Amino acid sequence: LLTSSPMSSVPAKPDLVTVNIDGKEIAVPKGTNVIEAARLVGVDVPHYCYHPKLSIVGNCRMCLIETGMPAVDPATKQPVIDPATGKQKINWGPRPQIGCGTNASPGLHIRTNTPLVKDCREGVMEFLLINHPLDCPICDQAGECKLQEHSTEYGRGYSRFVENKNVKPKRTQLGPRVMLDDERCILCSRCIRFSKEIAKDDVLGFVDRGSYSTLTCYPGRQLANNYSLNTVDICPVGALTSTDFRFKMRVWFLKQTNSIDTESSVGANTVVWSREGAIYRITPRRNDEVNDTWMADSGRLLYKQVASADRLKASEPVDALVARAASVLQGGAVAVVGSGRSSVEEQYLTRKLAEALKAGVSLVARTGQGDGLLISADRNPNVRGALVTGLISALPATQLTELGAAIDAGKVKTVVAVGEDLRAAGLSEAQLAKVSVVYLGTHANATSAAAKVVLPTLTVFEKAGTFVNQQFRIQKFAQAVPGLAGATNDLVVLAKLIAAVGGPAVASDLSGIWSTISADVPALAHATYAKLPETGLLLDATPWSGLSFVEGETLHYKPAQAARA
C-alpha cells in the first residue's frame, strides 16, 4: 500500500518434471499437485476438500487415482522393459491414492479413469449421500453444487440405505452474513481451513464423531470477520449460504460480468451476478497476482448503491444541463476537484477539462486502517491512475485545505466537482456559498444540494473502464447493468462539457478514448482497453517509486506466498 515498483528481478525458472496422465505426457513444475496437473491435460479429477489456496487434508477421498513409477532393476538400476510393448514397464501401486495428496515427481504415471478408480469414487459418493437430504429443488447451491454434479457421474441413482437419516441442525446462524444447514455439510473442512489459514480467525470446528459430526463455531464466538462470505464461495455443497442472497434467485438465471472491488486500492477481481438490470450478488474472481480467489464481505454489498433511494436523476436532457454548466464556467477562476474513484478514462477526460478551463486540479485522499489482506489503507481504487494519466503530479491530501484557502482569498469563483462531496472533503458551508459549483455524481449529498448545476452520472456497475491498483496494475471492469434513467455515462458528460467550454473534441467511447490515451500517456503507450488481459497489465511504476501513499503501511497481501504457506 506504499507505492513500489514492479519487481525487477526475473523469477527463476521452475524445475520441470514430466508426468504421464492417462497416457498423456506433460511437463509441470516439480511438486505440482496432481489435480492441477491433470487440469492441464483436460482431465477433471473430482474433489471436495481440496482447494488450490488451502492446505491439504485428504478428508473426502473423492479424488482417488492410481499411481505408478517406471520399473527399475534393483541390482543394475537399469529400466525394466515390458516385452509386450517394448517400453519401460510401470509398477502400479496396489491400491489407489488420493490425488490431492500426491505431487508431481519425475516419471510419475497416473490413471484417473480405470474401473478401480470409478468403483472407489462410487463408494465414496454413496457414503456422502447416506445422510444427505434430498432437497436439491429448494437448495440455494443448486446449479453450482459439486455434490450434485459428481453424483450424476458417480451416484447409483438409488439408495441401499434403509435406516433413517441422521437429523442435524438447520438454519443455524454462524455469523451475521453466513447461514449453516448442517444436514448438507459433507465435512470437507474448507471453511475451517480458510478461517484459520487465510482470514486468521480460527473460529470454526467440528464436534461429535462419525455420522453425528457437526460444524459449529467455538463457544462464545461467531463467524463475523470481514471475509466470512468466502466460506460460502468455497463450500462445495449447500451447507453454507449468504444471508443476503438466500432464496433470491437461481444462479442459472444470472448473467456474470467481470468487475473490480472499488472499496480500496487492492483492486480485488470480482464477478457481478445480475438479471434483467438488477444485481443480486458479487463474488470474487480468481487472480493469483492480486487477490487469489478471495474478497472482503464489505465489497459484496456495494451493488446496493445502484438502486439506492438517494440516486441523482435529471429531469431534463443532458445537453441542456451541459449548456447551463458551461455558462456557469464562463466566469473563469475555476478549480477542478477530481476523484480517486473515477476510472482511468474519466480521469483523463477530467484532465482535459481542467486544461480547457485553465484550472488547477485537486484530488481527495481516503484513508483507513488496512487489514493486511484485501482492504488497504488507501481507500481509493484509482489514485495511481490519476498519477499515470497526469491528472495530478503529487499525492492528494485528505482535506481540500488549499482549495478552501483559495476560495476564501477570492482566487476561485467556480468549482467543478467530479464525484466528490466537497463538504465531506473539508470545505465549509460558508466556503461553498462563496462559489458556483458544477457537480458530476451519482448520489445526493451536501455538494449536490448546494450546486448550481447537477449532472447525474453512473455507478461503476453501470459502465466500463479501468482502474490502476496499488501494484500499478491496470485492470478493467465491464458494464453489468444498464444505466439508471436520468443519469448519463461520465465519459459522455465530460466530453460534452469539454466541447462546451471551448476545449478540443474528444471521444466519449472507450475505444476512441484509448486511441488518444495510448498516444498521450507514456505509461499506457500501445495499450488498448480491448486487449488488456483479464488479470490486468503491470505498468512501470518507476516514475512514482519514491511516493509513500499511506504512511506506515508498507506491504500488501501477497496471494502467491499465502497460497504456498
Foldseek 3Di string as FASTA:
>chain_A
DFFAFPDPDDDDDADWAWEAEQNDIDIDHFFAQQQVVCVVVVDHQADALDDLQFDDDCPQLLRWKKKWAFDADPVPRHFDADVVVRHTDTDIDPATDHRRPDTDDHRMYIYCDDPRSLVSNLVSLLVLCLQADPPLVQFQCNPQASNVVVCVVRNPVDHPHDDHHDQDDAQPAQEPWKTFGFSHASPSCNLQRCCCQPVVNNFWDWDDDDSHIGIHGDPPDGLYFQFNCVSVVSRNHRGMDTPQQRPPDRQVQWDWFWFFQFQFQLTFIWIFTDHPQATRWIAGDAFLAGAGRTDTNVSTPVSVLQVDPFWDFAPDDLLVLLLVVLVQLVVALEAEEEELQDFLLLLLLSLLLCVLRVHYYAYAWQADDADQHRHHRGRGRAQVSNCQSVSDVAAHYNAPVVVLVCLVVVSHAEYEYEADDNVNRHHDPVSLVRHAYEYEHTGDDPRVVSHPGYAYAFDSQAAKHWGQHSQRFIAITGHNGHGDHRHYHSLVSSQSNCVSNPTDRADSDQQRSLVVSLVRGVQNPPHGPVPADNSTDGTGCVVPNPGTNDPPDDDHHNSVVSSVD
